[in-house]
Structures are given as structure tokens and as C-alpha cells.
Amino acid sequence: MTLAHPIATKWPAQHPDRLQLYSLPTPNGVKVSILLEETGLPYEPHLVSFDSSDQFSPEFLALNPNNKIPAILDPNGPGGQPLALFESGAILVYLAEKTGQFLPKDPAARYETLQWVMWQMGGVGPMFGQLGFFHKFAGKDYEDKRPRDRYVAESQRLLGVLEQRLTGRDWIMGPEYTIADIAVFPWVRNLVGFYGAGELVGFDAFPQVQRALAAFVARPAVERGLAIPRRG
């Protein structure tokens, strides 16, 4: 079996019968590798190096015209046909439905889970990412601190929403670990870890978020997924 897709010319598949993951171990990227590790679905990871602008290569753009990671190519998609998919939230939903794991089957609980995935996509990711820019990267060169403070305040608000949701619950959906947790907690980890913004947002004021984050990173599949694809 060979992969009949342009991306396979730049990232040849050693196991073309497996799902192919094109990614980088960023918060959005590891959502997918973590879920793949949790489900046990066979897959082959490929590193998309931003240092060499892999995401702008014609081969990658043939898979994801939005030039962002992660993206997947599933040779065994719906109806047995190959499926190319980008956007981490869409990939989480697809993989959860494909494997029948980490997404409740009860319709009401399913939509409630998707609600929290969308909350991460529309709020947590963009706001935490902007805060990281203004706190850790080039934004700290700006004398005007109002942009940074705007994202600090919004990040604190979002953490407050999550804190309230987790009060009295093990996970976002209660006792059941779902793709909502897999979507949210890599970003929380990044905020206080890589971005070093824990003190800035007053992370100590969110004990339930701290508890759930600790439980999340303690999962063996999460530990593995956080390092996939392995950087060269």
C-alpha cells in the first residue's frame, strides 16, 4: 500500500496503512498525539519543522491550505476512503468518533462535551497564546502594557470559568475523561510552564484547575503524547 497524496513525497510513510500525523509538540499539536496514545489507534507521526518552514511547503499545503499543525491523513477514513483533515478540534472529534472513545454517546452529554472543546478553540487557545506572545516573546518589548494586561485579564477570566466547572468534578464532564480535557489542559500546562505566566495570572487562586492539570499530566498516554512527534 502506498499513500497517493503529495504530502507523502516530503514525509514518506513507513507504515502507509496507518493514520499519518503531521505535527509539532505544541499545545494544539499534542492534543492529537495524546488522543492517539489514549485510544491505541496505530499511527505514524511526522515532524513538521517550523524552523525550516515545512508548514509552507507545497506538500504540506496540499494537506492543509491553512499552513498550521496538526493535520492528519487517514488511509482508512469514512467508507474506507482516505481522509485528510486539519484543525485540532475537528481531528479530536473525528478520532473520538472513529474509535468510540472519549466522547459520550448520550446525545446531550456529547454536545456538552463539544461545547467545551469549542470553548477551548475559541477562547483558551487564542487568549493564552496572545498572553504568551506579550509575556514571553516579542510583546515584552512593547512599552504599552495594555495589550498584555488585556490578555492577562481574559486568561484569568477563562481560568475562573474552568475552576468553577471543575469544582465537584474530577474532569470537565464529571467522572468521565473526554476530548474536552484533552483539548483544554495542554494549553493550561503551556500557560504556566512554557510561557511562565503562572504568577502573572495568579494560578495559585485556581486549586481545582491545578488538581485536574496534575491528574492530566500524570496519565501515561499524556506523558507519551506530549513528546510526539519527537523533535530532531
C-alpha atoms as a PDB file:
ATOM      1  CA  MET A   1       0.000   0.000   0.000  1.00  0.00           C
ATOM      2  CA  THR A   2       1.221   3.491  -0.848  1.00  0.00           C
ATOM      3  CA  LEU A   3      -0.195   6.888   0.055  1.00  0.00           C
ATOM      4  CA  ALA A   4      -1.469   8.641  -3.058  1.00  0.00           C
ATOM      5  CA  HIS A   5      -1.076  12.147  -1.674  1.00  0.00           C
ATOM      6  CA  PRO A   6       1.527  14.859  -2.377  1.00  0.00           C
ATOM      7  CA  ILE A   7       2.469  15.053   1.306  1.00  0.00           C
ATOM      8  CA  ALA A   8       3.911  11.532   1.120  1.00  0.00           C
ATOM      9  CA  THR A   9       6.658  12.782  -1.192  1.00  0.00           C
ATOM     10  CA  LYS A  10       8.069  15.021   1.560  1.00  0.00           C
ATOM     11  CA  TRP A  11       7.191  12.779   4.501  1.00  0.00           C
ATOM     12  CA  PRO A  12       7.328   9.184   3.185  1.00  0.00           C
ATOM     13  CA  ALA A  13       5.191   6.753   5.155  1.00  0.00           C
ATOM     14  CA  GLN A  14       6.945   3.735   6.616  1.00  0.00           C
ATOM     15  CA  HIS A  15       3.521   2.343   7.527  1.00  0.00           C
ATOM     16  CA  PRO A  16       1.111   3.653   4.872  1.00  0.00           C
ATOM     17  CA  ASP A  17      -1.729   1.553   6.239  1.00  0.00           C
ATOM     18  CA  ARG A  18      -1.688   3.595   9.469  1.00  0.00           C
ATOM     19  CA  LEU A  19      -3.102   7.014  10.186  1.00  0.00           C
ATOM     20  CA  GLN A  20      -0.457   9.658   9.412  1.00  0.00           C
ATOM     21  CA  LEU A  21       0.041  12.568  11.828  1.00  0.00           C
ATOM     22  CA  TYR A  22       1.841  15.741  10.721  1.00  0.00           C
ATOM     23  CA  SER A  23       2.519  17.844  13.754  1.00  0.00           C
ATOM     24  CA  LEU A  24       4.799  19.518  16.281  1.00  0.00           C
ATOM     25  CA  PRO A  25       4.678  19.171  20.093  1.00  0.00           C
ATOM     26  CA  THR A  26       2.827  22.449  20.723  1.00  0.00           C
ATOM     27  CA  PRO A  27      -0.428  22.682  22.725  1.00  0.00           C
ATOM     28  CA  ASN A  28      -2.524  22.233  19.584  1.00  0.00           C
ATOM     29  CA  GLY A  29      -0.284  19.525  18.194  1.00  0.00           C
ATOM     30  CA  VAL A  30      -0.149  17.367  21.309  1.00  0.00           C
ATOM     31  CA  LYS A  31      -3.938  17.297  21.624  1.00  0.00           C
ATOM     32  CA  VAL A  32      -3.953  14.851  18.733  1.00  0.00           C
ATOM     33  CA  SER A  33      -0.907  12.792  19.728  1.00  0.00           C
ATOM     34  CA  ILE A  34      -2.313  12.466  23.257  1.00  0.00           C
ATOM     35  CA  LEU A  35      -5.680  11.263  21.971  1.00  0.00           C
ATOM     36  CA  LEU A  36      -3.978   8.818  19.623  1.00  0.00           C
ATOM     37  CA  GLU A  37      -1.924   7.468  22.519  1.00  0.00           C
ATOM     38  CA  GLU A  38      -5.042   7.234  24.696  1.00  0.00           C
ATOM     39  CA  THR A  39      -7.036   5.329  22.065  1.00  0.00           C
ATOM     40  CA  GLY A  40      -4.272   2.966  20.990  1.00  0.00           C
ATOM     41  CA  LEU A  41      -5.073   3.601  17.329  1.00  0.00           C
ATOM     42  CA  PRO A  42      -2.000   2.749  15.204  1.00  0.00           C
ATOM     43  CA  TYR A  43      -0.454   5.858  13.671  1.00  0.00           C
ATOM     44  CA  GLU A  44       2.770   7.230  12.263  1.00  0.00           C
ATOM     45  CA  PRO A  45       3.957  10.693  13.370  1.00  0.00           C
ATOM     46  CA  HIS A  46       5.874  13.144  11.186  1.00  0.00           C
ATOM     47  CA  LEU A  47       7.583  16.276  12.488  1.00  0.00           C
ATOM     48  CA  VAL A  48       6.613  19.499  10.691  1.00  0.00           C
ATOM     49  CA  SER A  49       9.551  21.775  11.424  1.00  0.00           C
ATOM     50  CA  PHE A  50       8.713  25.456  11.668  1.00  0.00           C
ATOM     51  CA  ASP A  51      12.459  26.197  11.756  1.00  0.00           C
ATOM     52  CA  SER A  52      12.683  25.092   8.138  1.00  0.00           C
ATOM     53  CA  SER A  53       9.209  26.441   7.228  1.00  0.00           C
ATOM     54  CA  ASP A  54       7.843  22.973   6.487  1.00  0.00           C
ATOM     55  CA  GLN A  55       4.331  24.296   7.042  1.00  0.00           C
ATOM     56  CA  PHE A  56       4.631  26.472   3.918  1.00  0.00           C
ATOM     57  CA  SER A  57       5.871  23.695   1.660  1.00  0.00           C
ATOM     58  CA  PRO A  58       3.644  22.772  -1.296  1.00  0.00           C
ATOM     59  CA  GLU A  59       3.388  19.220   0.045  1.00  0.00           C
ATOM     60  CA  PHE A  60       2.045  20.328   3.426  1.00  0.00           C
ATOM     61  CA  LEU A  61      -0.249  22.941   1.883  1.00  0.00           C
ATOM     62  CA  ALA A  62      -1.754  20.176  -0.255  1.00  0.00           C
ATOM     63  CA  LEU A  63      -2.952  18.638   3.015  1.00  0.00           C
ATOM     64  CA  ASN A  64      -3.658  21.813   4.984  1.00  0.00           C
ATOM     65  CA  PRO A  65      -4.076  25.047   2.995  1.00  0.00           C
ATOM     66  CA  ASN A  66      -4.153  26.923   6.321  1.00  0.00           C
ATOM     67  CA  ASN A  67      -0.450  26.038   6.919  1.00  0.00           C
ATOM     68  CA  LYS A  68      -0.958  25.119  10.583  1.00  0.00           C
ATOM     69  CA  ILE A  69      -0.373  21.967  12.576  1.00  0.00           C
ATOM     70  CA  PRO A  70      -1.707  19.447  13.340  1.00  0.00           C
ATOM     71  CA  ALA A  71      -3.077  17.678  10.299  1.00  0.00           C
ATOM     72  CA  ILE A  72      -3.799  14.028   9.623  1.00  0.00           C
ATOM     73  CA  LEU A  73      -4.197  11.726   6.672  1.00  0.00           C
ATOM     74  CA  ASP A  74      -6.236   8.650   7.488  1.00  0.00           C
ATOM     75  CA  PRO A  75      -5.953   5.979   4.766  1.00  0.00           C
ATOM     76  CA  ASN A  76      -8.941   4.221   6.342  1.00  0.00           C
ATOM     77  CA  GLY A  77     -11.402   7.084   6.591  1.00  0.00           C
ATOM     78  CA  PRO A  78     -15.195   7.001   6.259  1.00  0.00           C
ATOM     79  CA  GLY A  79     -16.340   4.403   3.758  1.00  0.00           C
ATOM     80  CA  GLY A  80     -12.815   3.004   3.626  1.00  0.00           C
ATOM     81  CA  GLN A  81     -11.637   6.058   1.685  1.00  0.00           C
ATOM     82  CA  PRO A  82      -8.628   8.266   2.612  1.00  0.00           C
ATOM     83  CA  LEU A  83      -9.476  11.361   4.650  1.00  0.00           C
ATOM     84  CA  ALA A  84      -7.268  14.437   5.018  1.00  0.00           C
ATOM     85  CA  LEU A  85      -8.196  16.613   7.967  1.00  0.00           C
ATOM     86  CA  PHE A  86      -6.852  19.722   9.669  1.00  0.00           C
ATOM     87  CA  GLU A  87      -7.874  21.818  12.727  1.00  0.00           C
ATOM     88  CA  SER A  88      -7.149  20.125  16.042  1.00  0.00           C
ATOM     89  CA  GLY A  89     -10.722  20.336  17.326  1.00  0.00           C
ATOM     90  CA  ALA A  90     -12.123  18.674  14.214  1.00  0.00           C
ATOM     91  CA  ILE A  91      -9.453  15.966  14.437  1.00  0.00           C
ATOM     92  CA  LEU A  92     -10.300  15.281  18.089  1.00  0.00           C
ATOM     93  CA  VAL A  93     -13.969  14.811  17.252  1.00  0.00           C
ATOM     94  CA  TYR A  94     -13.155  12.606  14.260  1.00  0.00           C
ATOM     95  CA  LEU A  95     -10.798  10.340  16.194  1.00  0.00           C
ATOM     96  CA  ALA A  96     -13.154  10.084  19.158  1.00  0.00           C
ATOM     97  CA  GLU A  97     -15.991   9.033  16.868  1.00  0.00           C
ATOM     98  CA  LYS A  98     -13.769   6.705  14.830  1.00  0.00           C
ATOM     99  CA  THR A  99     -12.621   4.821  17.927  1.00  0.00           C
ATOM    100  CA  GLY A 100     -15.777   5.208  20.024  1.00  0.00           C
ATOM    101  CA  GLN A 101     -13.729   6.636  22.903  1.00  0.00           C
ATOM    102  CA  PHE A 102     -13.572   9.847  24.975  1.00  0.00           C
ATOM    103  CA  LEU A 103     -16.796  11.329  23.605  1.00  0.00           C
ATOM    104  CA  PRO A 104     -20.051  10.418  25.390  1.00  0.00           C
ATOM    105  CA  LYS A 105     -22.604   8.528  23.359  1.00  0.00           C
ATOM    106  CA  ASP A 106     -25.545  10.145  25.127  1.00  0.00           C
ATOM    107  CA  PRO A 107     -26.572  12.975  22.778  1.00  0.00           C
ATOM    108  CA  ALA A 108     -26.894  15.649  25.473  1.00  0.00           C
ATOM    109  CA  ALA A 109     -23.531  14.784  27.060  1.00  0.00           C
ATOM    110  CA  ARG A 110     -21.943  14.608  23.617  1.00  0.00           C
ATOM    111  CA  TYR A 111     -22.991  18.135  22.738  1.00  0.00           C
ATOM    112  CA  GLU A 112     -21.968  19.395  26.159  1.00  0.00           C
ATOM    113  CA  THR A 113     -18.507  17.906  25.609  1.00  0.00           C
ATOM    114  CA  LEU A 114     -18.286  19.527  22.182  1.00  0.00           C
ATOM    115  CA  GLN A 115     -19.303  22.802  23.806  1.00  0.00           C
ATOM    116  CA  TRP A 116     -16.189  22.699  25.987  1.00  0.00           C
ATOM    117  CA  VAL A 117     -13.981  21.742  23.045  1.00  0.00           C
ATOM    118  CA  MET A 118     -15.301  24.815  21.192  1.00  0.00           C
ATOM    119  CA  TRP A 119     -14.707  26.904  24.319  1.00  0.00           C
ATOM    120  CA  GLN A 120     -11.060  25.917  24.200  1.00  0.00           C
ATOM    121  CA  MET A 121     -10.776  26.554  20.467  1.00  0.00           C
ATOM    122  CA  GLY A 122     -12.435  29.954  20.585  1.00  0.00           C
ATOM    123  CA  GLY A 123     -11.191  31.221  23.942  1.00  0.00           C
ATOM    124  CA  VAL A 124      -8.460  29.386  25.801  1.00  0.00           C
ATOM    125  CA  GLY A 125      -6.129  28.789  22.851  1.00  0.00           C
ATOM    126  CA  PRO A 126      -6.240  32.272  21.309  1.00  0.00           C
ATOM    127  CA  MET A 127      -6.165  34.140  24.621  1.00  0.00           C
ATOM    128  CA  PHE A 128      -3.433  32.079  26.269  1.00  0.00           C
ATOM    129  CA  GLY A 129      -1.434  32.248  23.053  1.00  0.00           C
ATOM    130  CA  GLN A 130      -1.646  36.036  22.898  1.00  0.00           C
ATOM    131  CA  LEU A 131      -0.656  36.281  26.545  1.00  0.00           C
ATOM    132  CA  GLY A 132       2.355  34.094  25.784  1.00  0.00           C
ATOM    133  CA  PHE A 133       3.346  36.436  22.971  1.00  0.00           C
ATOM    134  CA  PHE A 134       3.160  39.558  25.117  1.00  0.00           C
ATOM    135  CA  HIS A 135       4.719  37.957  28.195  1.00  0.00           C
ATOM    136  CA  LYS A 136       7.425  35.648  26.828  1.00  0.00           C
ATOM    137  CA  PHE A 137       8.160  36.709  23.290  1.00  0.00           C
ATOM    138  CA  ALA A 138       8.321  39.950  21.304  1.00  0.00           C
ATOM    139  CA  GLY A 139       5.438  41.549  23.157  1.00  0.00           C
ATOM    140  CA  LYS A 140       7.630  42.301  26.157  1.00  0.00           C
ATOM    141  CA  ASP A 141       9.422  44.896  24.046  1.00  0.00           C
ATOM    142  CA  TYR A 142       6.244  46.984  23.902  1.00  0.00           C
ATOM    143  CA  GLU A 143       6.251  49.818  26.403  1.00  0.00           C
ATOM    144  CA  ASP A 144       2.451  49.968  26.351  1.00  0.00           C
ATOM    145  CA  LYS A 145       1.342  47.137  28.655  1.00  0.00           C
ATOM    146  CA  ARG A 146      -2.362  47.468  27.904  1.00  0.00           C
ATOM    147  CA  PRO A 147      -2.369  44.654  25.299  1.00  0.00           C
ATOM    148  CA  ARG A 148      -0.618  42.312  27.727  1.00  0.00           C
ATOM    149  CA  ASP A 149      -2.925  43.280  30.566  1.00  0.00           C
ATOM    150  CA  ARG A 150      -5.968  42.689  28.363  1.00  0.00           C
ATOM    151  CA  TYR A 151      -4.880  39.097  27.762  1.00  0.00           C
ATOM    152  CA  VAL A 152      -3.936  38.627  31.414  1.00  0.00           C
ATOM    153  CA  ALA A 153      -7.446  39.646  32.460  1.00  0.00           C
ATOM    154  CA  GLU A 154      -9.122  37.450  29.873  1.00  0.00           C
ATOM    155  CA  SER A 155      -6.909  34.473  30.748  1.00  0.00           C
ATOM    156  CA  GLN A 156      -7.810  34.916  34.413  1.00  0.00           C
ATOM    157  CA  ARG A 157     -11.486  35.024  33.500  1.00  0.00           C
ATOM    158  CA  LEU A 158     -11.195  31.811  31.476  1.00  0.00           C
ATOM    159  CA  LEU A 159      -9.321  30.094  34.307  1.00  0.00           C
ATOM    160  CA  GLY A 160     -12.141  31.184  36.610  1.00  0.00           C
ATOM    161  CA  VAL A 161     -14.700  29.583  34.309  1.00  0.00           C
ATOM    162  CA  LEU A 162     -12.683  26.364  34.311  1.00  0.00           C
ATOM    163  CA  GLU A 163     -12.223  26.492  38.089  1.00  0.00           C
ATOM    164  CA  GLN A 164     -15.975  26.760  38.604  1.00  0.00           C
ATOM    165  CA  ARG A 165     -16.640  23.936  36.160  1.00  0.00           C
ATOM    166  CA  LEU A 166     -14.163  21.605  37.881  1.00  0.00           C
ATOM    167  CA  THR A 167     -15.474  22.263  41.376  1.00  0.00           C
ATOM    168  CA  GLY A 168     -17.054  18.998  42.475  1.00  0.00           C
ATOM    169  CA  ARG A 169     -15.986  17.232  39.270  1.00  0.00           C
ATOM    170  CA  ASP A 170     -12.959  15.071  38.503  1.00  0.00           C
ATOM    171  CA  TRP A 171     -12.877  16.240  34.897  1.00  0.00           C
ATOM    172  CA  ILE A 172     -14.662  18.823  32.778  1.00  0.00           C
ATOM    173  CA  MET A 173     -17.528  16.411  32.087  1.00  0.00           C
ATOM    174  CA  GLY A 174     -17.554  14.895  35.591  1.00  0.00           C
ATOM    175  CA  PRO A 175     -16.124  11.434  36.315  1.00  0.00           C
ATOM    176  CA  GLU A 176     -15.510  10.762  32.616  1.00  0.00           C
ATOM    177  CA  TYR A 177     -12.273  11.903  30.947  1.00  0.00           C
ATOM    178  CA  THR A 178     -13.080  13.229  27.461  1.00  0.00           C
ATOM    179  CA  ILE A 179     -11.705  15.126  24.490  1.00  0.00           C
ATOM    180  CA  ALA A 180     -12.712  18.309  26.336  1.00  0.00           C
ATOM    181  CA  ASP A 181      -9.914  17.656  28.845  1.00  0.00           C
ATOM    182  CA  ILE A 182      -7.523  16.698  26.052  1.00  0.00           C
ATOM    183  CA  ALA A 183      -8.300  19.998  24.321  1.00  0.00           C
ATOM    184  CA  VAL A 184      -8.012  22.259  27.372  1.00  0.00           C
ATOM    185  CA  PHE A 185      -5.203  21.033  29.596  1.00  0.00           C
ATOM    186  CA  PRO A 186      -2.282  21.182  27.141  1.00  0.00           C
ATOM    187  CA  TRP A 187      -2.976  24.910  26.948  1.00  0.00           C
ATOM    188  CA  VAL A 188      -3.175  25.304  30.733  1.00  0.00           C
ATOM    189  CA  ARG A 189       0.106  23.424  31.039  1.00  0.00           C
ATOM    190  CA  ASN A 190       1.694  25.663  28.420  1.00  0.00           C
ATOM    191  CA  LEU A 191       0.459  28.841  30.119  1.00  0.00           C
ATOM    192  CA  VAL A 192       2.131  28.085  33.433  1.00  0.00           C
ATOM    193  CA  GLY A 193       5.032  26.061  32.026  1.00  0.00           C
ATOM    194  CA  PHE A 194       6.447  27.159  28.694  1.00  0.00           C
ATOM    195  CA  TYR A 195       5.015  30.701  28.872  1.00  0.00           C
ATOM    196  CA  GLY A 196       5.951  31.049  32.544  1.00  0.00           C
ATOM    197  CA  ALA A 197       2.805  33.088  33.199  1.00  0.00           C
ATOM    198  CA  GLY A 198       1.555  31.300  36.318  1.00  0.00           C
ATOM    199  CA  GLU A 199       2.414  34.142  38.686  1.00  0.00           C
ATOM    200  CA  LEU A 200       1.140  36.740  36.226  1.00  0.00           C
ATOM    201  CA  VAL A 201      -2.330  35.172  36.111  1.00  0.00           C
ATOM    202  CA  GLY A 202      -2.379  34.215  39.801  1.00  0.00           C
ATOM    203  CA  PHE A 203      -2.516  30.494  39.110  1.00  0.00           C
ATOM    204  CA  ASP A 204      -2.458  29.697  42.837  1.00  0.00           C
ATOM    205  CA  ALA A 205      -6.017  31.042  43.014  1.00  0.00           C
ATOM    206  CA  PHE A 206      -7.290  28.133  40.908  1.00  0.00           C
ATOM    207  CA  PRO A 207      -6.794  24.984  43.024  1.00  0.00           C
ATOM    208  CA  GLN A 208      -9.273  22.844  41.083  1.00  0.00           C
ATOM    209  CA  VAL A 209      -7.526  23.657  37.819  1.00  0.00           C
ATOM    210  CA  GLN A 210      -4.196  22.773  39.447  1.00  0.00           C
ATOM    211  CA  ARG A 211      -5.599  19.459  40.673  1.00  0.00           C
ATOM    212  CA  ALA A 212      -7.019  18.466  37.291  1.00  0.00           C
ATOM    213  CA  LEU A 213      -3.871  19.565  35.464  1.00  0.00           C
ATOM    214  CA  ALA A 214      -1.764  17.372  37.762  1.00  0.00           C
ATOM    215  CA  ALA A 215      -4.077  14.405  37.126  1.00  0.00           C
ATOM    216  CA  PHE A 216      -3.908  15.051  33.385  1.00  0.00           C
ATOM    217  CA  VAL A 217      -0.107  15.133  33.088  1.00  0.00           C
ATOM    218  CA  ALA A 218       0.154  12.034  35.319  1.00  0.00           C
ATOM    219  CA  ARG A 219      -1.633   9.915  32.708  1.00  0.00           C
ATOM    220  CA  PRO A 220       0.873   7.656  30.883  1.00  0.00           C
ATOM    221  CA  ALA A 221      -0.674   8.381  27.472  1.00  0.00           C
ATOM    222  CA  VAL A 222      -0.422  12.109  28.121  1.00  0.00           C
ATOM    223  CA  GLU A 223       3.232  11.804  29.107  1.00  0.00           C
ATOM    224  CA  ARG A 224       3.934   9.960  25.867  1.00  0.00           C
ATOM    225  CA  GLY A 225       1.822  12.238  23.699  1.00  0.00           C
ATOM    226  CA  LEU A 226       3.467  15.415  24.978  1.00  0.00           C
ATOM    227  CA  ALA A 227       6.724  14.339  23.303  1.00  0.00           C
ATOM    228  CA  ILE A 228       5.250  13.324  19.924  1.00  0.00           C
ATOM    229  CA  PRO A 229       6.385  13.988  17.276  1.00  0.00           C
ATOM    230  CA  ARG A 230       9.872  13.938  18.736  1.00  0.00           C
ATOM    231  CA  ARG A 231      11.887  16.977  17.802  1.00  0.00           C
ATOM    232  CA  GLY A 232      15.023  16.257  15.792  1.00  0.00           C
END
